[in-house]
Amino acid sequence: MPDAFHQKTRYDAILIGAGPTGIAAAYEFKNAGIKYLHLESGRLAQTIFNYPKNVHLFSHRCYLQIGNVHFPGKPHEAPAREEYLDYLGKVVSQQGLKVQLHSAVVELVPGNLNHCVRYRKKDGTITEVYSQNVIFAGGGYYKPRLLGIPGEDMPHVHHYFRTDLPVKNKKVLVVGGRNSAIEASTTLAGQKAEVLLSYRGSRLPRSKIKPWILTPFDEARKSGFIRIHYRTFLRSIKKKQVILRLDETEDIAIDTDVIFLLTGYGPDYSLLKTASVPFHKRTQRPLFNSKTLETKIPGIFLCGTLILTWKGKKASIENTLEHGKIILSNLR
């Protein structure tokens, strides 16, 4: 009679997360003949789906292509959200990649021979599966980096950009200075909002902003549709006013109707922590091998934008699409 070990539902690999990195990894696994299970808590490419309508990616099509699946359009132009979602869906359908959507992993229990993954299906049932290899293909944009200031949780304050708000002739404050904040400011100016950008530096990090985002921003700023307050930090938020600290010495009261705090995002580490994956004491980031992408627990791997800034690379999708190949060559 088979023992309990052989009666368990086992896979060569369990892949968690169906964003671009997860889909690219699944593409590699399938072509290598790996028996894998692919789980996603939401819909396909949920983070991309959450982008504002018609917003453009920060990378060109030629850098976003997965395997040999052609990405239609001009290769050296950035695709819009809708185009990228269509492309990712095309990769999954054409390549026959199987993804269990709306299947949220609720627990990871490491083991000596196999790791146990428990996930909740859409109907609420819990399923238990096993594998020597568990791959977290999560993104680095799961939750916003909070400023920890009074009023940050007020209803007119948003940590993710939206294009569906009535901002015409409204005073809108955008906090940040990278691609998201710059593009949001330009879009808001196009919606006839009175835009003020607050940035902590003495000048924008222009070399780190995509040219196709920076050019229309500069045009809107020169036309007077966007104002910038450099060397400012947001101190507090009220219903119709904010307090900005200038040069660490002077407080400025600014009237505002809508606020976008586009100051960065971070990953969700909860599953890794409950699985006792070791973390760096100072940075509070999980420890992993930068060459194999394996954590300190054998067979548990990390990939996606959540690890790029730790490796000294920019956290963009184009820099994650080879992670699946790296992990494939190091599976147990």
Protein backbone atom coordinates (compact mmCIF):
# COMPACT_ATOMS: atom_id res chain seq x y z
CA MET A 1 0.00 0.00 0.00
CA PRO A 2 1.36 3.47 -0.87
CA ASP A 3 2.54 5.46 2.12
CA ALA A 4 1.16 8.90 3.03
CA PHE A 5 4.05 10.66 1.27
CA HIS A 6 3.12 9.23 -2.13
CA GLN A 7 -0.58 9.93 -1.63
CA LYS A 8 0.04 13.66 -1.40
CA THR A 9 -0.53 15.92 -4.41
CA ARG A 10 3.01 16.78 -5.46
CA TYR A 11 4.53 19.03 -8.11
CA ASP A 12 8.05 19.66 -9.33
CA ALA A 13 7.47 23.34 -8.57
CA ILE A 14 4.76 25.60 -7.17
CA LEU A 15 4.73 29.11 -8.61
CA ILE A 16 3.01 31.88 -6.64
CA GLY A 17 2.02 35.03 -8.51
CA ALA A 18 0.82 35.52 -12.11
CA GLY A 19 2.20 38.90 -13.01
CA PRO A 20 4.70 39.31 -15.87
CA THR A 21 7.52 37.59 -13.95
CA GLY A 22 5.35 34.67 -12.93
CA ILE A 23 4.03 34.23 -16.47
CA ALA A 24 7.58 34.34 -17.87
CA ALA A 25 8.66 31.71 -15.33
CA ALA A 26 5.68 29.50 -16.20
CA TYR A 27 6.67 29.80 -19.88
CA GLU A 28 10.15 28.45 -19.04
CA PHE A 29 8.84 25.68 -16.79
CA LYS A 30 6.33 24.42 -19.35
CA ASN A 31 8.87 24.37 -22.17
CA ALA A 32 11.26 22.43 -19.91
CA GLY A 33 8.60 19.82 -19.14
CA ILE A 34 8.37 20.76 -15.48
CA LYS A 35 5.22 19.62 -13.66
CA TYR A 36 4.23 22.83 -11.91
CA LEU A 37 1.24 24.46 -10.23
CA HIS A 38 0.69 28.18 -10.81
CA LEU A 39 -1.36 30.08 -8.23
CA GLU A 40 -2.60 33.68 -8.32
CA SER A 41 -4.69 35.31 -5.59
CA GLY A 42 -6.48 37.70 -7.95
CA ARG A 43 -6.85 37.98 -11.69
CA LEU A 44 -4.11 37.59 -14.26
CA ALA A 45 -1.55 40.40 -13.89
CA GLN A 46 -3.55 41.98 -11.09
CA THR A 47 -1.01 44.74 -10.43
CA ILE A 48 -0.99 45.79 -14.10
CA PHE A 49 -4.79 45.63 -14.12
CA ASN A 50 -4.82 48.06 -11.18
CA TYR A 51 -2.91 50.69 -13.18
CA PRO A 52 -5.01 53.68 -14.30
CA LYS A 53 -6.66 53.25 -17.69
CA ASN A 54 -4.51 54.21 -20.68
CA VAL A 55 -1.38 54.70 -18.57
CA HIS A 56 1.82 53.55 -20.27
CA LEU A 57 4.40 51.12 -18.97
CA PHE A 58 7.91 52.34 -18.17
CA SER A 59 9.57 49.91 -20.62
CA HIS A 60 9.53 49.41 -24.39
CA ARG A 61 7.72 46.50 -26.01
CA CYS A 62 10.97 44.90 -27.15
CA TYR A 63 12.07 44.52 -23.52
CA LEU A 64 8.72 43.15 -22.33
CA GLN A 65 8.41 40.26 -24.79
CA ILE A 66 8.23 36.82 -23.19
CA GLY A 67 10.09 34.05 -24.99
CA ASN A 68 9.24 33.87 -28.68
CA VAL A 69 5.72 35.27 -28.29
CA HIS A 70 5.69 38.39 -30.46
CA PHE A 71 4.52 41.64 -28.86
CA PRO A 72 2.68 43.55 -31.64
CA GLY A 73 3.33 47.25 -32.16
CA LYS A 74 6.38 49.45 -32.45
CA PRO A 75 9.20 47.71 -30.54
CA HIS A 76 10.74 50.89 -29.15
CA GLU A 77 7.53 52.39 -27.79
CA ALA A 78 6.06 51.79 -24.34
CA PRO A 79 2.74 49.94 -24.45
CA ALA A 80 -0.39 51.15 -22.72
CA ARG A 81 -1.85 49.21 -19.82
CA GLU A 82 -4.56 47.69 -22.02
CA GLU A 83 -2.06 46.57 -24.67
CA TYR A 84 0.14 44.88 -22.09
CA LEU A 85 -2.77 43.08 -20.46
CA ASP A 86 -3.85 41.81 -23.88
CA TYR A 87 -0.31 40.62 -24.58
CA LEU A 88 0.05 38.76 -21.27
CA GLY A 89 -3.29 37.07 -21.87
CA LYS A 90 -2.07 36.10 -25.34
CA VAL A 91 1.08 34.51 -23.89
CA VAL A 92 -0.97 32.43 -21.46
CA SER A 93 -3.53 31.27 -24.02
CA GLN A 94 -1.18 30.64 -26.96
CA GLN A 95 1.37 28.77 -24.86
CA GLY A 96 -1.24 26.78 -22.96
CA LEU A 97 -0.07 28.01 -19.58
CA LYS A 98 -2.40 26.93 -16.80
CA VAL A 99 -2.97 29.44 -14.01
CA GLN A 100 -5.33 28.94 -11.08
CA LEU A 101 -6.75 32.43 -10.59
CA HIS A 102 -8.44 33.63 -7.39
CA SER A 103 -6.44 31.06 -5.46
CA ALA A 104 -4.74 32.77 -2.53
CA VAL A 105 -1.90 31.04 -0.69
CA VAL A 106 -2.72 31.18 3.00
CA GLU A 107 0.19 29.19 4.42
CA LEU A 108 3.61 27.86 3.50
CA VAL A 109 5.07 25.17 5.75
CA PRO A 110 8.69 24.30 4.92
CA GLY A 111 9.72 20.64 5.10
CA ASN A 112 12.87 18.58 4.72
CA LEU A 113 11.78 16.77 1.55
CA ASN A 114 8.75 18.78 0.49
CA HIS A 115 7.24 22.15 1.32
CA CYS A 116 3.51 22.27 2.02
CA VAL A 117 1.45 25.02 0.38
CA ARG A 118 -2.12 25.61 1.45
CA TYR A 119 -4.30 27.83 -0.73
CA ARG A 120 -7.88 29.04 -0.68
CA LYS A 121 -9.95 28.68 -3.83
CA LYS A 122 -12.60 31.16 -4.94
CA ASP A 123 -15.31 28.98 -3.34
CA GLY A 124 -13.52 29.15 0.02
CA THR A 125 -12.20 25.59 0.12
CA ILE A 126 -8.63 24.98 1.27
CA THR A 127 -6.36 22.77 -0.84
CA GLU A 128 -3.02 21.35 0.28
CA VAL A 129 -0.20 20.62 -2.18
CA TYR A 130 3.49 19.76 -1.90
CA SER A 131 6.72 20.47 -3.74
CA GLN A 132 10.46 20.63 -3.21
CA ASN A 133 10.42 23.99 -4.99
CA VAL A 134 8.23 26.98 -4.14
CA ILE A 135 8.75 30.18 -6.12
CA PHE A 136 7.46 33.55 -4.96
CA ALA A 137 6.96 35.65 -8.09
CA GLY A 138 5.51 38.57 -6.22
CA GLY A 139 5.80 42.21 -7.14
CA GLY A 140 7.38 45.02 -5.19
CA TYR A 141 4.27 47.19 -5.38
CA TYR A 142 1.94 45.37 -3.00
CA LYS A 143 1.53 48.14 -0.45
CA PRO A 144 2.39 51.86 -0.38
CA ARG A 145 5.18 53.24 1.75
CA LEU A 146 3.33 55.31 4.30
CA LEU A 147 4.74 58.65 5.41
CA GLY A 148 3.41 58.28 8.94
CA ILE A 149 1.98 61.79 9.12
CA PRO A 150 -1.33 63.12 10.49
CA GLY A 151 -4.18 62.98 7.97
CA GLU A 152 -2.58 60.40 5.67
CA ASP A 153 -5.67 58.20 5.90
CA MET A 154 -8.19 60.89 4.95
CA PRO A 155 -10.56 60.09 2.04
CA HIS A 156 -9.12 62.70 -0.34
CA VAL A 157 -5.63 61.20 0.02
CA HIS A 158 -4.62 58.49 -2.47
CA HIS A 159 -1.51 56.28 -2.56
CA TYR A 160 -2.26 54.95 -6.04
CA PHE A 161 -2.91 57.22 -8.99
CA ARG A 162 -6.44 57.35 -10.39
CA THR A 163 -7.81 59.02 -13.50
CA ASP A 164 -11.50 58.78 -12.59
CA LEU A 165 -11.61 61.57 -10.00
CA PRO A 166 -13.26 64.95 -10.78
CA VAL A 167 -10.14 67.13 -10.64
CA LYS A 168 -10.99 69.87 -13.16
CA ASN A 169 -10.21 73.27 -11.60
CA LYS A 170 -9.27 71.50 -8.33
CA LYS A 171 -6.05 72.08 -6.40
CA VAL A 172 -4.14 68.79 -6.58
CA LEU A 173 -0.94 68.00 -4.69
CA VAL A 174 1.35 65.24 -5.97
CA VAL A 175 4.16 64.06 -3.69
CA GLY A 176 7.06 62.24 -5.33
CA GLY A 177 9.64 62.70 -8.05
CA ARG A 178 9.96 59.53 -10.10
CA ASN A 179 8.11 58.14 -13.11
CA SER A 180 4.74 57.62 -11.41
CA ALA A 181 4.59 61.09 -9.87
CA ILE A 182 5.80 62.82 -13.04
CA GLU A 183 3.33 61.02 -15.29
CA ALA A 184 0.48 61.59 -12.82
CA SER A 185 1.25 65.32 -12.72
CA THR A 186 1.14 65.54 -16.51
CA THR A 187 -2.14 63.62 -16.69
CA LEU A 188 -3.72 65.81 -14.03
CA ALA A 189 -2.61 68.94 -15.86
CA GLY A 190 -4.30 67.57 -18.97
CA GLN A 191 -7.48 67.17 -16.92
CA LYS A 192 -7.34 70.92 -16.14
CA ALA A 193 -6.32 70.49 -12.51
CA GLU A 194 -4.11 73.01 -10.69
CA VAL A 195 -1.11 70.77 -10.07
CA LEU A 196 1.57 71.26 -7.43
CA LEU A 197 4.40 68.72 -7.25
CA SER A 198 6.25 68.42 -3.95
CA TYR A 199 9.70 66.85 -4.15
CA ARG A 200 12.27 66.46 -1.39
CA GLY A 201 15.31 67.00 -3.63
CA SER A 202 16.71 70.25 -5.00
CA ARG A 203 16.06 69.04 -8.56
CA LEU A 204 14.26 66.16 -10.25
CA PRO A 205 16.29 62.95 -10.88
CA ARG A 206 15.90 63.43 -14.62
CA SER A 207 18.25 60.57 -15.55
CA LYS A 208 15.94 58.15 -13.73
CA ILE A 209 12.75 59.34 -15.45
CA LYS A 210 11.75 57.87 -18.81
CA PRO A 211 12.16 60.43 -21.64
CA TRP A 212 8.66 59.90 -23.00
CA ILE A 213 7.29 60.73 -19.54
CA LEU A 214 9.61 63.66 -18.92
CA THR A 215 9.03 65.49 -22.22
CA PRO A 216 5.27 66.16 -21.84
CA PHE A 217 5.83 66.98 -18.16
CA ASP A 218 8.37 69.66 -19.08
CA GLU A 219 5.98 71.10 -21.65
CA ALA A 220 3.14 71.29 -19.11
CA ARG A 221 5.44 72.85 -16.50
CA LYS A 222 6.78 75.48 -18.92
CA SER A 223 3.20 76.33 -19.89
CA GLY A 224 2.38 76.99 -16.23
CA PHE A 225 0.09 74.00 -15.70
CA ILE A 226 2.41 72.37 -13.15
CA ARG A 227 4.27 74.06 -10.30
CA ILE A 228 7.08 72.42 -8.32
CA HIS A 229 8.09 72.95 -4.70
CA TYR A 230 11.61 71.54 -4.30
CA ARG A 231 13.24 70.63 -0.98
CA THR A 232 9.85 70.11 0.65
CA PHE A 233 8.50 67.41 2.96
CA LEU A 234 4.84 66.85 3.72
CA ARG A 235 4.27 67.26 7.46
CA SER A 236 0.51 67.04 7.93
CA ILE A 237 -2.76 66.85 6.01
CA LYS A 238 -6.09 68.49 6.74
CA LYS A 239 -9.36 68.48 4.82
CA LYS A 240 -8.52 71.48 2.63
CA GLN A 241 -4.90 72.21 3.48
CA VAL A 242 -1.48 70.64 3.90
CA ILE A 243 1.65 71.75 5.69
CA LEU A 244 4.92 71.46 3.76
CA ARG A 245 8.29 71.81 5.47
CA LEU A 246 10.76 73.77 3.30
CA ASP A 247 14.50 73.26 3.80
CA GLU A 248 13.87 71.74 7.24
CA THR A 249 13.24 75.25 8.58
CA GLU A 250 10.04 76.82 7.26
CA ASP A 251 6.46 75.53 7.25
CA ILE A 252 4.22 76.44 4.31
CA ALA A 253 0.43 76.09 4.31
CA ILE A 254 -0.95 75.01 0.91
CA ASP A 255 -4.64 74.79 -0.01
CA THR A 256 -5.48 71.40 -1.56
CA ASP A 257 -8.54 69.46 -2.69
CA VAL A 258 -6.97 66.15 -3.75
CA ILE A 259 -3.65 64.55 -2.76
CA PHE A 260 -1.64 61.78 -4.41
CA LEU A 261 1.20 60.36 -2.31
CA LEU A 262 3.26 58.56 -4.95
CA THR A 263 6.26 57.91 -2.76
CA GLY A 264 6.94 54.25 -3.50
CA TYR A 265 5.65 50.81 -2.66
CA GLY A 266 6.81 47.62 -1.01
CA PRO A 267 6.20 43.85 -1.19
CA ASP A 268 4.12 41.61 1.06
CA TYR A 269 6.44 39.50 3.23
CA SER A 270 3.78 37.90 5.43
CA LEU A 271 3.96 34.38 3.96
CA LEU A 272 7.76 34.37 4.03
CA LYS A 273 7.79 35.46 7.65
CA THR A 274 5.29 32.84 8.79
CA ALA A 275 7.38 30.25 6.93
CA SER A 276 10.41 31.33 9.01
CA VAL A 277 12.45 32.44 6.00
CA PRO A 278 15.45 34.29 7.53
CA PHE A 279 15.45 38.08 7.17
CA HIS A 280 18.27 40.59 7.35
CA LYS A 281 18.16 42.23 10.78
CA ARG A 282 18.86 45.75 9.57
CA THR A 283 17.03 45.92 6.24
CA GLN A 284 14.22 43.52 7.22
CA ARG A 285 14.41 41.88 3.81
CA PRO A 286 14.53 38.11 3.23
CA LEU A 287 18.01 36.72 2.71
CA PHE A 288 18.63 34.99 -0.63
CA ASN A 289 21.39 33.96 -3.02
CA SER A 290 21.64 36.61 -5.74
CA LYS A 291 22.96 34.05 -8.25
CA THR A 292 20.36 31.31 -7.73
CA LEU A 293 17.52 33.43 -6.24
CA GLU A 294 17.12 30.79 -3.52
CA THR A 295 16.44 31.84 0.07
CA LYS A 296 18.19 30.39 3.11
CA ILE A 297 15.53 27.66 3.12
CA PRO A 298 16.46 25.18 0.36
CA GLY A 299 13.87 25.07 -2.41
CA ILE A 300 12.18 28.39 -1.63
CA PHE A 301 12.96 30.99 -4.30
CA LEU A 302 12.23 34.68 -4.84
CA CYS A 303 11.83 36.53 -8.13
CA GLY A 304 10.19 39.61 -9.57
CA THR A 305 10.48 43.31 -8.88
CA LEU A 306 10.52 42.73 -5.11
CA ILE A 307 14.19 41.66 -5.26
CA LEU A 308 15.66 44.00 -7.87
CA THR A 309 16.57 46.96 -5.69
CA TRP A 310 18.45 44.57 -3.39
CA LYS A 311 20.58 43.44 -6.33
CA GLY A 312 21.43 46.99 -7.40
CA LYS A 313 19.12 46.95 -10.42
CA LYS A 314 16.21 49.18 -11.21
CA ALA A 315 12.85 47.71 -10.16
CA SER A 316 11.28 47.45 -13.60
CA ILE A 317 9.47 44.54 -15.23
CA GLU A 318 12.01 44.18 -18.04
CA ASN A 319 14.70 43.25 -15.51
CA THR A 320 12.68 40.35 -14.09
CA LEU A 321 11.73 38.30 -17.13
CA GLU A 322 14.90 36.17 -16.99
CA HIS A 323 14.38 35.16 -13.35
CA GLY A 324 12.44 32.06 -14.40
CA LYS A 325 15.42 30.77 -16.38
CA ILE A 326 17.73 31.29 -13.40
CA ILE A 327 15.42 29.43 -11.05
CA LEU A 328 14.79 26.64 -13.57
CA SER A 329 18.51 25.82 -13.62
CA ASN A 330 18.58 25.66 -9.81
CA LEU A 331 15.46 23.64 -9.04
CA ARG A 332 15.86 20.76 -6.62
